Structures are given as structure tokens and as C-alpha cells.
Amino acid sequence: MSRRVVCLRHGQTLWNVEHRFQGHSDIPLDETGVAQAARAASLLAALRPSMIVSSDLQRAFETAGALGRITGLDVSVDKDLRERGGGQWEGLTRDEIFAGWPREFAAWEAPGGEQVTDVAERVSSSIRRWAAELDSDGLLVVASHGAAIRLGIARLMNLPQELWPALGGLGNCSWSVLEEARKGWRLLEHNAGTLPEPVRSDDSPETTEE
């Protein structure tokens, strides 16, 4: 068995529905998001996580809390797991951003916002730091945010930056699963909404077998 990390995106918020840039703005889950968090918790609890850590923003912490209540685990908080800061774009819709900053919109670089490299570094460093506390067969659940998770995973797997866009986004309360292998971290599942299944294949000596 190897150490694994489940990166869980928070449940839906009103700003998600309105397509507003949330960033560091502290927006709570809406009614649908609360239900999504409860469903995800009921599934992920079956994996018997060893540890739960969350972004300090309430939409992620509330999502993590649903899993904590089922498993009896405390939820640790790490500010490094926050979403990418959106600077002047926070609270604005995509249409409003395009109208006000068409050139920056094309590059998706918010004035006053965080650089993707900075987000990737802080999120991946946080995941490494918390995973290091696991036993050799432990499972860490990280409750965070869509862009933060995607960028953190890309950095954790040492993907060249030009390939980072190849990783798609995550839906609300969907998750990605990472496993520590001999040559570093690898991605087992991405944007999943069901329990991970063992993979049996002939393509690698490190293929999961159970």
C-alpha cells in the first residue's frame, strides 16, 4: 500500500451559480452545496481517511466538515490551500471581467491577482507537508478549490508549466486521487464522483494491484 491523497473540491455556492470569480472571497455553500458535501462525505468515508485538512475559506471547510462528522476526524486548516486570489476580479461575473479587461481575460491573469506559479507552489507544498504525516498506507483528504487543486496537482507531478492546462477542472464536490509511487506522485483519478477502483494493467511495473 502507498500513501494516497484525495483532493476534494468544495460544494456549490451562489457565486458558482452566478459565474462570479470567488478567489479569496469567503462565500458559504448554498443549499445544493450542502447536499453535495453530504453525498461526497458518505462516499469518501468508505475509504477510511486517516486525516482531513481544509482551506480556511468556509466553502471548503464546510465541505470538509461533512466528512469529519461521519468519520469522527478533526479537520485541520491550512491557509495555503486557498483558491487563487482574483484581485480586482473577485465578485465579478465572467461577462463583467471580459468587458472590463479583454486582454487580461484572454490570458486569465487578474490585475492584482495571484500568479499560477505561486498558487501551484503553495498548494503542492501544503499537500506534501500534510502527506508526510501519514503512515505508509494512510489516506489524506484535502478540501480545497478548483483552480488551487488543478494547479497543485500539476506541480506535485512535476508537469512542465506549458502542460498545466491539459488538466481539466473539477466539478463541485468532485475529487482527484493521487498516489505516492517510487518515482513520485501520480494521478489515479481526476474529477471523479464515485469511489476509486483498483486499476489492473500491463503498462507499468507500478500498476495498482489489490
Protein backbone atom coordinates (compact mmCIF):
# COMPACT_ATOMS: atom_id res chain seq x y z
CA MET A 1 0.00 0.00 0.00
CA SER A 2 1.10 3.59 -0.69
CA ARG A 3 0.14 6.92 0.76
CA ARG A 4 -2.76 8.49 -1.11
CA VAL A 5 -4.30 11.94 -1.26
CA VAL A 6 -7.89 12.75 -2.24
CA CYS A 7 -8.21 16.37 -3.39
CA LEU A 8 -11.85 17.34 -2.90
CA ARG A 9 -13.33 20.49 -4.39
CA HIS A 10 -15.89 22.32 -2.25
CA GLY A 11 -19.62 22.17 -2.86
CA GLN A 12 -21.64 24.67 -4.83
CA THR A 13 -22.02 28.30 -3.79
CA LEU A 14 -24.31 31.04 -5.06
CA TRP A 15 -21.33 32.66 -6.76
CA ASN A 16 -20.66 29.40 -8.62
CA VAL A 17 -24.21 29.53 -9.97
CA GLU A 18 -23.80 33.19 -10.93
CA HIS A 19 -20.38 32.50 -12.53
CA ARG A 20 -18.63 35.00 -10.26
CA PHE A 21 -14.90 34.88 -9.57
CA GLN A 22 -14.63 33.83 -5.92
CA GLY A 23 -10.90 33.75 -5.24
CA HIS A 24 -10.21 34.61 -1.60
CA SER A 25 -13.75 35.91 -1.02
CA ASP A 26 -15.28 33.85 1.78
CA ILE A 27 -18.54 32.59 0.28
CA PRO A 28 -20.59 29.86 2.05
CA LEU A 29 -22.11 26.77 0.48
CA ASP A 30 -25.64 27.14 -0.81
CA GLU A 31 -28.35 24.54 -0.17
CA THR A 32 -27.24 22.43 -3.12
CA GLY A 33 -23.62 22.65 -1.98
CA VAL A 34 -24.52 21.37 1.49
CA ALA A 35 -26.26 18.36 -0.09
CA GLN A 36 -23.28 17.76 -2.40
CA ALA A 37 -20.90 17.81 0.56
CA ALA A 38 -23.03 15.28 2.43
CA ARG A 39 -23.09 12.95 -0.57
CA ALA A 40 -19.35 13.19 -1.13
CA ALA A 41 -18.73 12.57 2.56
CA SER A 42 -20.85 9.42 2.54
CA LEU A 43 -18.77 8.04 -0.33
CA LEU A 44 -15.31 9.12 0.80
CA ALA A 45 -15.87 7.88 4.34
CA ALA A 46 -15.78 4.35 2.91
CA LEU A 47 -12.11 4.92 2.04
CA ARG A 48 -11.36 5.33 5.76
CA PRO A 49 -9.30 8.51 5.59
CA SER A 50 -6.54 8.99 8.12
CA MET A 51 -6.55 12.78 8.08
CA ILE A 52 -8.60 15.70 6.76
CA VAL A 53 -7.21 19.15 6.03
CA SER A 54 -9.03 22.11 4.53
CA SER A 55 -8.58 25.57 3.14
CA ASP A 56 -9.56 28.24 5.66
CA LEU A 57 -12.33 29.53 3.39
CA GLN A 58 -15.73 28.43 4.65
CA ARG A 59 -16.96 26.80 1.46
CA ALA A 60 -14.08 24.30 1.68
CA PHE A 61 -14.18 23.99 5.48
CA GLU A 62 -17.93 23.25 5.44
CA THR A 63 -17.32 20.57 2.80
CA ALA A 64 -14.55 19.01 4.88
CA GLY A 65 -16.70 19.22 7.99
CA ALA A 66 -19.33 16.95 6.45
CA LEU A 67 -16.68 14.24 6.07
CA GLY A 68 -15.28 14.94 9.52
CA ARG A 69 -18.67 14.38 11.15
CA ILE A 70 -19.07 10.96 9.52
CA THR A 71 -15.52 9.76 10.15
CA GLY A 72 -15.04 11.31 13.59
CA LEU A 73 -11.85 13.02 12.36
CA ASP A 74 -10.95 16.60 13.21
CA VAL A 75 -10.45 18.96 10.27
CA SER A 76 -7.12 20.78 10.22
CA VAL A 77 -6.96 24.14 8.48
CA ASP A 78 -4.23 25.38 6.15
CA LYS A 79 -4.44 28.82 4.52
CA ASP A 80 -2.05 27.61 1.79
CA LEU A 81 -4.95 25.58 0.35
CA ARG A 82 -6.93 28.71 -0.52
CA GLU A 83 -8.19 29.38 -4.02
CA ARG A 84 -6.18 31.51 -6.42
CA GLY A 85 -6.58 35.14 -5.46
CA GLY A 86 -8.57 37.08 -8.06
CA GLY A 87 -7.50 40.65 -7.30
CA GLN A 88 -9.82 43.15 -8.97
CA TRP A 89 -11.94 40.38 -10.48
CA GLU A 90 -13.32 38.93 -7.25
CA GLY A 91 -17.10 39.13 -7.15
CA LEU A 92 -17.39 39.85 -10.87
CA THR A 93 -19.04 37.64 -13.47
CA ARG A 94 -17.13 36.34 -16.49
CA ASP A 95 -19.06 38.77 -18.73
CA GLU A 96 -18.09 41.69 -16.50
CA ILE A 97 -14.45 40.60 -16.50
CA PHE A 98 -14.40 40.29 -20.28
CA ALA A 99 -15.98 43.70 -20.71
CA GLY A 100 -13.52 45.42 -18.39
CA TRP A 101 -10.30 43.56 -19.14
CA PRO A 102 -10.50 41.81 -22.54
CA ARG A 103 -6.72 41.38 -22.88
CA GLU A 104 -6.27 40.08 -19.33
CA PHE A 105 -9.35 37.88 -19.76
CA ALA A 106 -7.72 36.13 -22.73
CA ALA A 107 -4.68 35.30 -20.59
CA TRP A 108 -6.83 34.77 -17.46
CA GLU A 109 -4.49 36.98 -15.44
CA ALA A 110 -6.40 39.15 -12.97
CA PRO A 111 -4.99 42.59 -12.14
CA GLY A 112 -3.75 42.30 -8.56
CA GLY A 113 -4.37 38.55 -8.57
CA GLU A 114 -2.06 35.63 -7.88
CA GLN A 115 0.25 34.12 -10.46
CA VAL A 116 -0.48 30.50 -11.30
CA THR A 117 3.07 29.50 -10.39
CA ASP A 118 2.68 30.92 -6.88
CA VAL A 119 -0.61 29.07 -6.36
CA ALA A 120 0.84 25.82 -7.68
CA GLU A 121 3.81 26.08 -5.34
CA ARG A 122 1.88 26.86 -2.15
CA VAL A 123 -0.80 24.22 -2.76
CA SER A 124 1.62 21.44 -3.73
CA SER A 125 3.87 22.29 -0.78
CA SER A 126 0.89 22.06 1.55
CA ILE A 127 -0.13 18.67 0.19
CA ARG A 128 3.42 17.35 0.54
CA ARG A 129 3.66 18.69 4.08
CA TRP A 130 0.44 17.08 5.27
CA ALA A 131 1.01 13.82 3.37
CA ALA A 132 4.37 13.45 5.08
CA GLU A 133 2.48 12.96 8.36
CA LEU A 134 0.64 9.90 7.04
CA ASP A 135 1.57 6.31 7.74
CA SER A 136 2.83 4.38 4.73
CA ASP A 137 -0.72 3.28 3.84
CA GLY A 138 -2.55 6.41 5.01
CA LEU A 139 -5.14 8.47 3.15
CA LEU A 140 -5.29 12.25 3.33
CA VAL A 141 -8.37 14.18 2.20
CA VAL A 142 -7.64 17.76 1.15
CA ALA A 143 -10.68 20.05 0.83
CA SER A 144 -9.81 22.95 -1.44
CA HIS A 145 -10.84 24.77 -4.61
CA GLY A 146 -10.98 24.10 -8.34
CA ALA A 147 -8.03 26.13 -9.64
CA ALA A 148 -5.97 25.53 -6.50
CA ILE A 149 -6.35 21.76 -6.78
CA ARG A 150 -5.64 21.66 -10.50
CA LEU A 151 -2.50 23.77 -10.19
CA GLY A 152 -1.31 21.95 -7.08
CA ILE A 153 -1.67 18.57 -8.76
CA ALA A 154 0.21 19.75 -11.85
CA ARG A 155 3.10 20.98 -9.72
CA LEU A 156 3.06 17.91 -7.49
CA MET A 157 3.51 15.69 -10.55
CA ASN A 158 6.28 17.96 -11.89
CA LEU A 159 4.44 18.65 -15.13
CA PRO A 160 6.03 21.36 -17.30
CA GLN A 161 4.04 24.57 -16.96
CA GLU A 162 3.04 24.53 -20.63
CA LEU A 163 1.16 21.28 -19.93
CA TRP A 164 -0.77 22.51 -16.90
CA PRO A 165 -3.85 23.41 -18.99
CA ALA A 166 -4.06 19.74 -20.03
CA LEU A 167 -5.55 19.00 -16.60
CA GLY A 168 -9.24 19.80 -16.75
CA GLY A 169 -11.24 21.44 -13.99
CA LEU A 170 -13.20 19.80 -11.20
CA GLY A 171 -16.93 19.95 -10.63
CA ASN A 172 -18.33 20.93 -7.26
CA CYS A 173 -17.67 18.15 -4.73
CA SER A 174 -15.75 16.10 -7.28
CA TRP A 175 -12.28 14.88 -6.40
CA SER A 176 -8.95 13.71 -7.73
CA VAL A 177 -6.86 10.89 -6.29
CA LEU A 178 -3.07 10.92 -6.05
CA GLU A 179 -0.80 8.08 -5.03
CA GLU A 180 2.83 8.24 -3.95
CA ALA A 181 4.81 5.90 -6.19
CA ARG A 182 8.52 5.10 -6.32
CA LYS A 183 9.19 7.85 -8.83
CA GLY A 184 6.95 10.50 -7.31
CA TRP A 185 3.26 11.29 -7.16
CA ARG A 186 0.92 10.05 -9.88
CA LEU A 187 -2.69 10.84 -10.68
CA LEU A 188 -5.04 7.86 -10.33
CA GLU A 189 -8.37 9.62 -10.91
CA HIS A 190 -9.40 13.15 -11.86
CA ASN A 191 -12.74 14.94 -11.48
CA ALA A 192 -14.31 11.78 -10.08
CA GLY A 193 -17.62 11.47 -8.29
CA THR A 194 -17.55 7.78 -7.45
CA LEU A 195 -15.22 5.68 -5.36
CA PRO A 196 -11.81 4.88 -6.89
CA GLU A 197 -11.42 1.39 -8.27
CA PRO A 198 -8.18 -0.65 -8.41
CA VAL A 199 -6.50 -0.50 -11.80
CA ARG A 200 -5.02 -3.67 -13.25
CA SER A 201 -2.93 -3.26 -16.37
CA ASP A 202 0.33 -4.29 -18.03
CA ASP A 203 1.53 -0.79 -18.82
CA SER A 204 3.71 -0.19 -15.73
CA PRO A 205 5.52 -2.13 -13.00
CA GLU A 206 3.90 0.29 -10.55
CA THR A 207 0.31 -0.54 -11.55
CA THR A 208 -2.02 -0.77 -8.57
CA GLU A 209 -2.94 -4.35 -7.74
CA GLU A 210 -5.27 -5.48 -4.96
